[in-house]
Amino acid sequence: MARLDNSILKGLRGKVGEIIIYEAYGQTLVRARPGKYKKTKSIPLQIQRQRLTVVQKFLKCFRHLIKRFYQPETEGKTAYGDAVSWNMKNALIGQYPDLMVDPAKVRFVNGALPVPAFTHISLVNNMLNLTWVTTNDLHGDAHDVLQVVVLPVNGSVANDLDALARRADGQLCMNIPEYFNVPKHLWVFFYSVRTGKVSQPVYLGLF
C-alpha cells in the first residue's frame, strides 16, 4: 500500500492496470491487484485431495467411536488425525477418481487386545449369531466384552450396541433392532471395562 500524491491520478478510483486506487482515512491510496487464484490441475494433488475427502467422509460416521476407543499410534496426534492417516494409507481401494473405503480394512477403533478367530457368522430374521474360539487366545481377558457396530449403507452415523457377551462366552445370539432393516455393514470389537483397552475391529460383512 502507498499514498498517492500525484494530482493527476488523485480523482481516480478502482482498477487501473495492475494497481487499485482507493480512498481511506481521507487519503488516496494505491495497492497492487491480488494475483489470480489458479486451481491446480496437478493429478497427484487431486488424487491426494480425493483420498483425504473419501476417508474423512467415511470416518465422520464413526467420530464418537474414534473419540472414545481409538488409541493413536503416532505420538502427538489426536485420535481422529491418526485414524485419518492410517485409513488413507491402508483402507482405500480403487483407482482415482473411483476411490472408496474398504469396510473390511477400515479402522475406527484401535488397540492391542487380541482378536479371536470367528468360526460362525450369520444374520437371519434380525438375529445375529456368532461363535469364536476361546482357547489359545493370546492371553485375552475372559471378561472383555463384545461390542457390535452397525452402519446402514446410506446412514450417516454408526451405532454401537452392547452385545452383553464376554470373550469367555465364545458365542453371541443377539437381536438387531428392526429399524436397521436396511442393507447394513456390521463390525465387532472387544473392549475391556477394567482397562479401557480395545481390539481392532472385525468386519462381519454386508447384510
C-alpha atoms as a PDB file:
ATOM      1  CA  MET A   1       0.000   0.000   0.000  1.00  0.00           C
ATOM      2  CA  ALA A   2       1.256   3.508  -0.862  1.00  0.00           C
ATOM      3  CA  ARG A   3      -0.119   7.029  -0.573  1.00  0.00           C
ATOM      4  CA  LEU A   4      -0.829   8.733  -3.886  1.00  0.00           C
ATOM      5  CA  ASP A   5       0.437  12.330  -4.190  1.00  0.00           C
ATOM      6  CA  ASN A   6       0.146  12.601  -7.983  1.00  0.00           C
ATOM      7  CA  SER A   7      -2.627  15.190  -8.545  1.00  0.00           C
ATOM      8  CA  ILE A   8      -3.402  13.776 -11.992  1.00  0.00           C
ATOM      9  CA  LEU A   9      -4.445  10.419 -10.544  1.00  0.00           C
ATOM     10  CA  LYS A  10      -5.984  11.662  -7.317  1.00  0.00           C
ATOM     11  CA  GLY A  11      -9.512  11.699  -8.704  1.00  0.00           C
ATOM     12  CA  LEU A  12      -9.355   8.125  -9.932  1.00  0.00           C
ATOM     13  CA  ARG A  13     -10.900   5.195  -8.126  1.00  0.00           C
ATOM     14  CA  GLY A  14     -10.834   1.491  -8.876  1.00  0.00           C
ATOM     15  CA  LYS A  15      -8.614  -0.719 -11.034  1.00  0.00           C
ATOM     16  CA  VAL A  16      -6.013   0.847 -13.261  1.00  0.00           C
ATOM     17  CA  GLY A  17      -3.868  -1.765 -14.975  1.00  0.00           C
ATOM     18  CA  GLU A  18      -2.125  -3.765 -12.275  1.00  0.00           C
ATOM     19  CA  ILE A  19      -2.999  -1.397  -9.424  1.00  0.00           C
ATOM     20  CA  ILE A  20      -6.096  -0.461  -7.425  1.00  0.00           C
ATOM     21  CA  ILE A  21      -6.693   3.144  -6.395  1.00  0.00           C
ATOM     22  CA  TYR A  22      -8.950   3.767  -3.408  1.00  0.00           C
ATOM     23  CA  GLU A  23      -9.584   6.286  -0.638  1.00  0.00           C
ATOM     24  CA  ALA A  24      -9.205   5.633   3.081  1.00  0.00           C
ATOM     25  CA  TYR A  25      -8.646   7.838   6.102  1.00  0.00           C
ATOM     26  CA  GLY A  26      -9.031  10.928   3.928  1.00  0.00           C
ATOM     27  CA  GLN A  27      -6.146   9.933   1.690  1.00  0.00           C
ATOM     28  CA  THR A  28      -5.893   8.462  -1.802  1.00  0.00           C
ATOM     29  CA  LEU A  29      -4.071   5.150  -1.611  1.00  0.00           C
ATOM     30  CA  VAL A  30      -2.811   2.630  -4.137  1.00  0.00           C
ATOM     31  CA  ARG A  31      -2.067  -1.078  -3.892  1.00  0.00           C
ATOM     32  CA  ALA A  32      -1.220  -3.873  -6.294  1.00  0.00           C
ATOM     33  CA  ARG A  33      -4.014  -6.065  -7.625  1.00  0.00           C
ATOM     34  CA  PRO A  34      -4.047  -9.508  -5.985  1.00  0.00           C
ATOM     35  CA  GLY A  35      -2.827 -12.355  -8.123  1.00  0.00           C
ATOM     36  CA  LYS A  36      -5.435 -14.649  -9.631  1.00  0.00           C
ATOM     37  CA  TYR A  37      -6.096 -17.943  -7.870  1.00  0.00           C
ATOM     38  CA  LYS A  38      -5.248 -20.817 -10.100  1.00  0.00           C
ATOM     39  CA  LYS A  39      -6.936 -24.084  -9.249  1.00  0.00           C
ATOM     40  CA  THR A  40      -4.212 -26.657  -9.550  1.00  0.00           C
ATOM     41  CA  LYS A  41      -4.579 -29.311 -12.217  1.00  0.00           C
ATOM     42  CA  SER A  42      -1.836 -31.476 -10.753  1.00  0.00           C
ATOM     43  CA  ILE A  43      -3.127 -35.053 -10.886  1.00  0.00           C
ATOM     44  CA  PRO A  44      -1.102 -36.224  -7.856  1.00  0.00           C
ATOM     45  CA  LEU A  45      -2.524 -33.368  -5.779  1.00  0.00           C
ATOM     46  CA  GLN A  46      -6.069 -34.089  -6.956  1.00  0.00           C
ATOM     47  CA  ILE A  47      -5.603 -37.748  -6.030  1.00  0.00           C
ATOM     48  CA  GLN A  48      -4.370 -36.803  -2.558  1.00  0.00           C
ATOM     49  CA  ARG A  49      -7.298 -34.442  -2.077  1.00  0.00           C
ATOM     50  CA  GLN A  50      -9.770 -37.145  -3.047  1.00  0.00           C
ATOM     51  CA  ARG A  51      -8.096 -39.685  -0.775  1.00  0.00           C
ATOM     52  CA  LEU A  52      -8.490 -37.294   2.151  1.00  0.00           C
ATOM     53  CA  THR A  53     -12.078 -36.401   1.256  1.00  0.00           C
ATOM     54  CA  VAL A  54     -13.188 -40.029   0.863  1.00  0.00           C
ATOM     55  CA  VAL A  55     -11.637 -41.113   4.165  1.00  0.00           C
ATOM     56  CA  GLN A  56     -12.953 -38.135   6.127  1.00  0.00           C
ATOM     57  CA  LYS A  57     -16.474 -38.625   4.773  1.00  0.00           C
ATOM     58  CA  PHE A  58     -16.480 -42.285   5.824  1.00  0.00           C
ATOM     59  CA  LEU A  59     -14.888 -41.734   9.235  1.00  0.00           C
ATOM     60  CA  LYS A  60     -17.376 -38.964  10.006  1.00  0.00           C
ATOM     61  CA  CYS A  61     -19.877 -41.762  10.706  1.00  0.00           C
ATOM     62  CA  PHE A  62     -17.584 -43.093  13.464  1.00  0.00           C
ATOM     63  CA  ARG A  63     -16.377 -39.904  15.157  1.00  0.00           C
ATOM     64  CA  HIS A  64     -17.982 -40.782  18.506  1.00  0.00           C
ATOM     65  CA  LEU A  65     -16.313 -44.211  18.444  1.00  0.00           C
ATOM     66  CA  ILE A  66     -12.953 -42.808  17.367  1.00  0.00           C
ATOM     67  CA  LYS A  67     -13.044 -40.283  20.192  1.00  0.00           C
ATOM     68  CA  ARG A  68     -13.778 -42.976  22.767  1.00  0.00           C
ATOM     69  CA  PHE A  69     -11.986 -46.077  21.518  1.00  0.00           C
ATOM     70  CA  TYR A  70      -9.213 -45.112  19.083  1.00  0.00           C
ATOM     71  CA  GLN A  71      -5.767 -45.212  20.665  1.00  0.00           C
ATOM     72  CA  PRO A  72      -3.333 -43.190  18.473  1.00  0.00           C
ATOM     73  CA  GLU A  73      -0.197 -44.933  17.296  1.00  0.00           C
ATOM     74  CA  THR A  74       1.640 -41.703  16.465  1.00  0.00           C
ATOM     75  CA  GLU A  75       2.815 -39.585  19.369  1.00  0.00           C
ATOM     76  CA  GLY A  76       1.358 -36.085  19.358  1.00  0.00           C
ATOM     77  CA  LYS A  77      -1.551 -36.920  17.031  1.00  0.00           C
ATOM     78  CA  THR A  78      -5.191 -36.784  18.002  1.00  0.00           C
ATOM     79  CA  ALA A  79      -7.248 -39.948  17.743  1.00  0.00           C
ATOM     80  CA  TYR A  80      -9.119 -38.593  14.718  1.00  0.00           C
ATOM     81  CA  GLY A  81      -5.977 -37.344  12.981  1.00  0.00           C
ATOM     82  CA  ASP A  82      -4.258 -40.667  13.490  1.00  0.00           C
ATOM     83  CA  ALA A  83      -7.340 -42.545  12.229  1.00  0.00           C
ATOM     84  CA  VAL A  84      -7.450 -40.423   9.073  1.00  0.00           C
ATOM     85  CA  SER A  85      -3.748 -41.003   8.384  1.00  0.00           C
ATOM     86  CA  TRP A  86      -3.955 -44.753   8.986  1.00  0.00           C
ATOM     87  CA  ASN A  87      -7.024 -45.264   6.814  1.00  0.00           C
ATOM     88  CA  MET A  88      -5.634 -43.142   3.970  1.00  0.00           C
ATOM     89  CA  LYS A  89      -2.621 -45.460   3.883  1.00  0.00           C
ATOM     90  CA  ASN A  90      -4.359 -48.780   4.464  1.00  0.00           C
ATOM     91  CA  ALA A  91      -8.127 -48.757   3.861  1.00  0.00           C
ATOM     92  CA  LEU A  92      -8.599 -47.200   0.418  1.00  0.00           C
ATOM     93  CA  ILE A  93      -9.295 -49.297  -2.663  1.00  0.00           C
ATOM     94  CA  GLY A  94      -9.932 -48.474  -6.308  1.00  0.00           C
ATOM     95  CA  GLN A  95      -8.253 -46.064  -8.678  1.00  0.00           C
ATOM     96  CA  TYR A  96      -8.660 -42.296  -8.953  1.00  0.00           C
ATOM     97  CA  PRO A  97     -11.268 -40.928  -9.456  1.00  0.00           C
ATOM     98  CA  ASP A  98     -13.146 -44.009  -8.172  1.00  0.00           C
ATOM     99  CA  LEU A  99     -11.571 -44.338  -4.743  1.00  0.00           C
ATOM    100  CA  MET A 100     -13.553 -45.779  -1.827  1.00  0.00           C
ATOM    101  CA  VAL A 101     -13.029 -47.084   1.700  1.00  0.00           C
ATOM    102  CA  ASP A 102     -12.980 -50.864   2.049  1.00  0.00           C
ATOM    103  CA  PRO A 103     -15.218 -51.707   5.054  1.00  0.00           C
ATOM    104  CA  ALA A 104     -13.151 -54.828   5.703  1.00  0.00           C
ATOM    105  CA  LYS A 105      -9.998 -52.729   6.126  1.00  0.00           C
ATOM    106  CA  VAL A 106     -11.309 -49.608   7.867  1.00  0.00           C
ATOM    107  CA  ARG A 107     -10.109 -48.917  11.395  1.00  0.00           C
ATOM    108  CA  PHE A 108     -12.331 -46.756  13.610  1.00  0.00           C
ATOM    109  CA  VAL A 109     -11.223 -48.311  16.900  1.00  0.00           C
ATOM    110  CA  ASN A 110      -7.611 -49.138  17.599  1.00  0.00           C
ATOM    111  CA  GLY A 111      -5.983 -51.120  20.352  1.00  0.00           C
ATOM    112  CA  ALA A 112      -3.891 -54.098  21.312  1.00  0.00           C
ATOM    113  CA  LEU A 113      -6.462 -56.502  22.735  1.00  0.00           C
ATOM    114  CA  PRO A 114      -6.302 -59.838  20.892  1.00  0.00           C
ATOM    115  CA  VAL A 115      -8.955 -60.736  18.316  1.00  0.00           C
ATOM    116  CA  PRO A 116     -10.167 -64.354  18.372  1.00  0.00           C
ATOM    117  CA  ALA A 117     -10.939 -66.399  15.282  1.00  0.00           C
ATOM    118  CA  PHE A 118     -14.645 -66.298  14.437  1.00  0.00           C
ATOM    119  CA  THR A 119     -15.976 -69.705  13.367  1.00  0.00           C
ATOM    120  CA  HIS A 120     -19.580 -68.776  12.564  1.00  0.00           C
ATOM    121  CA  ILE A 121     -21.243 -65.543  11.410  1.00  0.00           C
ATOM    122  CA  SER A 122     -24.879 -65.252  10.373  1.00  0.00           C
ATOM    123  CA  LEU A 123     -27.767 -62.800  10.464  1.00  0.00           C
ATOM    124  CA  VAL A 124     -31.211 -64.344   9.967  1.00  0.00           C
ATOM    125  CA  ASN A 125     -34.504 -62.599  10.762  1.00  0.00           C
ATOM    126  CA  ASN A 126     -32.605 -59.881  12.610  1.00  0.00           C
ATOM    127  CA  MET A 127     -30.855 -62.431  14.844  1.00  0.00           C
ATOM    128  CA  LEU A 128     -27.083 -62.110  14.787  1.00  0.00           C
ATOM    129  CA  ASN A 129     -25.320 -65.365  15.628  1.00  0.00           C
ATOM    130  CA  LEU A 130     -21.588 -65.511  16.226  1.00  0.00           C
ATOM    131  CA  THR A 131     -19.193 -68.073  17.617  1.00  0.00           C
ATOM    132  CA  TRP A 132     -15.480 -67.633  18.231  1.00  0.00           C
ATOM    133  CA  VAL A 133     -12.528 -69.562  19.564  1.00  0.00           C
ATOM    134  CA  THR A 134     -11.887 -69.117  23.274  1.00  0.00           C
ATOM    135  CA  THR A 135      -8.725 -71.239  23.600  1.00  0.00           C
ATOM    136  CA  ASN A 136      -5.182 -70.100  22.818  1.00  0.00           C
ATOM    137  CA  ASP A 137      -6.497 -66.548  22.783  1.00  0.00           C
ATOM    138  CA  LEU A 138      -3.191 -64.729  23.168  1.00  0.00           C
ATOM    139  CA  HIS A 139      -3.938 -64.050  26.823  1.00  0.00           C
ATOM    140  CA  GLY A 140      -7.100 -62.022  26.238  1.00  0.00           C
ATOM    141  CA  ASP A 141      -9.093 -61.261  29.385  1.00  0.00           C
ATOM    142  CA  ALA A 142     -12.069 -63.603  29.736  1.00  0.00           C
ATOM    143  CA  HIS A 143     -14.178 -60.625  30.824  1.00  0.00           C
ATOM    144  CA  ASP A 144     -13.557 -58.482  27.734  1.00  0.00           C
ATOM    145  CA  VAL A 145     -16.974 -57.525  26.363  1.00  0.00           C
ATOM    146  CA  LEU A 146     -18.073 -57.678  22.741  1.00  0.00           C
ATOM    147  CA  GLN A 147     -19.368 -54.534  21.036  1.00  0.00           C
ATOM    148  CA  VAL A 148     -21.386 -54.650  17.806  1.00  0.00           C
ATOM    149  CA  VAL A 149     -21.247 -51.722  15.360  1.00  0.00           C
ATOM    150  CA  VAL A 150     -23.987 -51.197  12.756  1.00  0.00           C
ATOM    151  CA  LEU A 151     -23.765 -48.743   9.854  1.00  0.00           C
ATOM    152  CA  PRO A 152     -26.653 -48.613   7.355  1.00  0.00           C
ATOM    153  CA  VAL A 153     -25.304 -48.354   3.803  1.00  0.00           C
ATOM    154  CA  ASN A 154     -26.836 -44.899   3.356  1.00  0.00           C
ATOM    155  CA  GLY A 155     -26.540 -43.941   7.014  1.00  0.00           C
ATOM    156  CA  SER A 156     -24.611 -41.025   8.443  1.00  0.00           C
ATOM    157  CA  VAL A 157     -23.900 -42.384  11.950  1.00  0.00           C
ATOM    158  CA  ALA A 158     -22.630 -45.784  13.052  1.00  0.00           C
ATOM    159  CA  ASN A 159     -24.424 -47.302  16.029  1.00  0.00           C
ATOM    160  CA  ASP A 160     -22.573 -49.281  18.676  1.00  0.00           C
ATOM    161  CA  LEU A 161     -24.633 -51.893  20.505  1.00  0.00           C
ATOM    162  CA  ASP A 162     -23.663 -53.568  23.759  1.00  0.00           C
ATOM    163  CA  ALA A 163     -23.768 -57.279  22.929  1.00  0.00           C
ATOM    164  CA  LEU A 164     -23.728 -58.376  26.592  1.00  0.00           C
ATOM    165  CA  ALA A 165     -21.339 -61.172  25.657  1.00  0.00           C
ATOM    166  CA  ARG A 166     -17.894 -61.782  27.140  1.00  0.00           C
ATOM    167  CA  ARG A 167     -14.834 -63.157  25.427  1.00  0.00           C
ATOM    168  CA  ALA A 168     -15.085 -66.321  27.527  1.00  0.00           C
ATOM    169  CA  ASP A 169     -18.646 -66.993  26.318  1.00  0.00           C
ATOM    170  CA  GLY A 170     -17.456 -67.930  22.848  1.00  0.00           C
ATOM    171  CA  GLN A 171     -20.832 -67.137  21.293  1.00  0.00           C
ATOM    172  CA  LEU A 172     -23.443 -64.475  20.769  1.00  0.00           C
ATOM    173  CA  CYS A 173     -27.114 -64.566  19.843  1.00  0.00           C
ATOM    174  CA  MET A 174     -28.393 -61.015  19.583  1.00  0.00           C
ATOM    175  CA  ASN A 175     -31.415 -59.293  18.082  1.00  0.00           C
ATOM    176  CA  ILE A 176     -30.548 -56.391  15.794  1.00  0.00           C
ATOM    177  CA  PRO A 177     -33.280 -53.725  16.188  1.00  0.00           C
ATOM    178  CA  GLU A 178     -35.892 -53.630  13.416  1.00  0.00           C
ATOM    179  CA  TYR A 179     -35.084 -50.060  12.467  1.00  0.00           C
ATOM    180  CA  PHE A 180     -31.896 -51.497  10.963  1.00  0.00           C
ATOM    181  CA  ASN A 181     -33.966 -53.462   8.437  1.00  0.00           C
ATOM    182  CA  VAL A 182     -31.935 -51.966   5.599  1.00  0.00           C
ATOM    183  CA  PRO A 183     -28.662 -53.033   3.930  1.00  0.00           C
ATOM    184  CA  LYS A 184     -26.014 -52.545   6.598  1.00  0.00           C
ATOM    185  CA  HIS A 185     -22.385 -53.139   7.461  1.00  0.00           C
ATOM    186  CA  LEU A 186     -21.588 -54.952  10.706  1.00  0.00           C
ATOM    187  CA  TRP A 187     -18.394 -54.960  12.746  1.00  0.00           C
ATOM    188  CA  VAL A 188     -17.463 -56.176  16.216  1.00  0.00           C
ATOM    189  CA  PHE A 189     -14.617 -55.426  18.586  1.00  0.00           C
ATOM    190  CA  PHE A 190     -13.661 -56.371  22.134  1.00  0.00           C
ATOM    191  CA  TYR A 191     -13.481 -53.831  24.946  1.00  0.00           C
ATOM    192  CA  SER A 192     -12.002 -54.163  28.424  1.00  0.00           C
ATOM    193  CA  VAL A 193     -14.136 -52.459  31.048  1.00  0.00           C
ATOM    194  CA  ARG A 194     -11.292 -52.920  33.502  1.00  0.00           C
ATOM    195  CA  THR A 195      -8.513 -51.259  31.486  1.00  0.00           C
ATOM    196  CA  GLY A 196     -10.362 -49.314  28.777  1.00  0.00           C
ATOM    197  CA  LYS A 197      -8.336 -51.075  26.081  1.00  0.00           C
ATOM    198  CA  VAL A 198      -9.865 -52.299  22.826  1.00  0.00           C
ATOM    199  CA  SER A 199      -9.109 -54.680  19.978  1.00  0.00           C
ATOM    200  CA  GLN A 200      -9.064 -53.941  16.272  1.00  0.00           C
ATOM    201  CA  PRO A 201     -12.489 -54.031  14.572  1.00  0.00           C
ATOM    202  CA  VAL A 202     -13.567 -57.213  12.807  1.00  0.00           C
ATOM    203  CA  TYR A 203     -15.752 -56.784   9.724  1.00  0.00           C
ATOM    204  CA  LEU A 204     -18.616 -59.272   9.688  1.00  0.00           C
ATOM    205  CA  GLY A 205     -19.979 -58.292   6.293  1.00  0.00           C
ATOM    206  CA  LEU A 206     -22.753 -56.506   4.440  1.00  0.00           C
ATOM    207  CA  PHE A 207     -26.189 -57.845   5.334  1.00  0.00           C
END
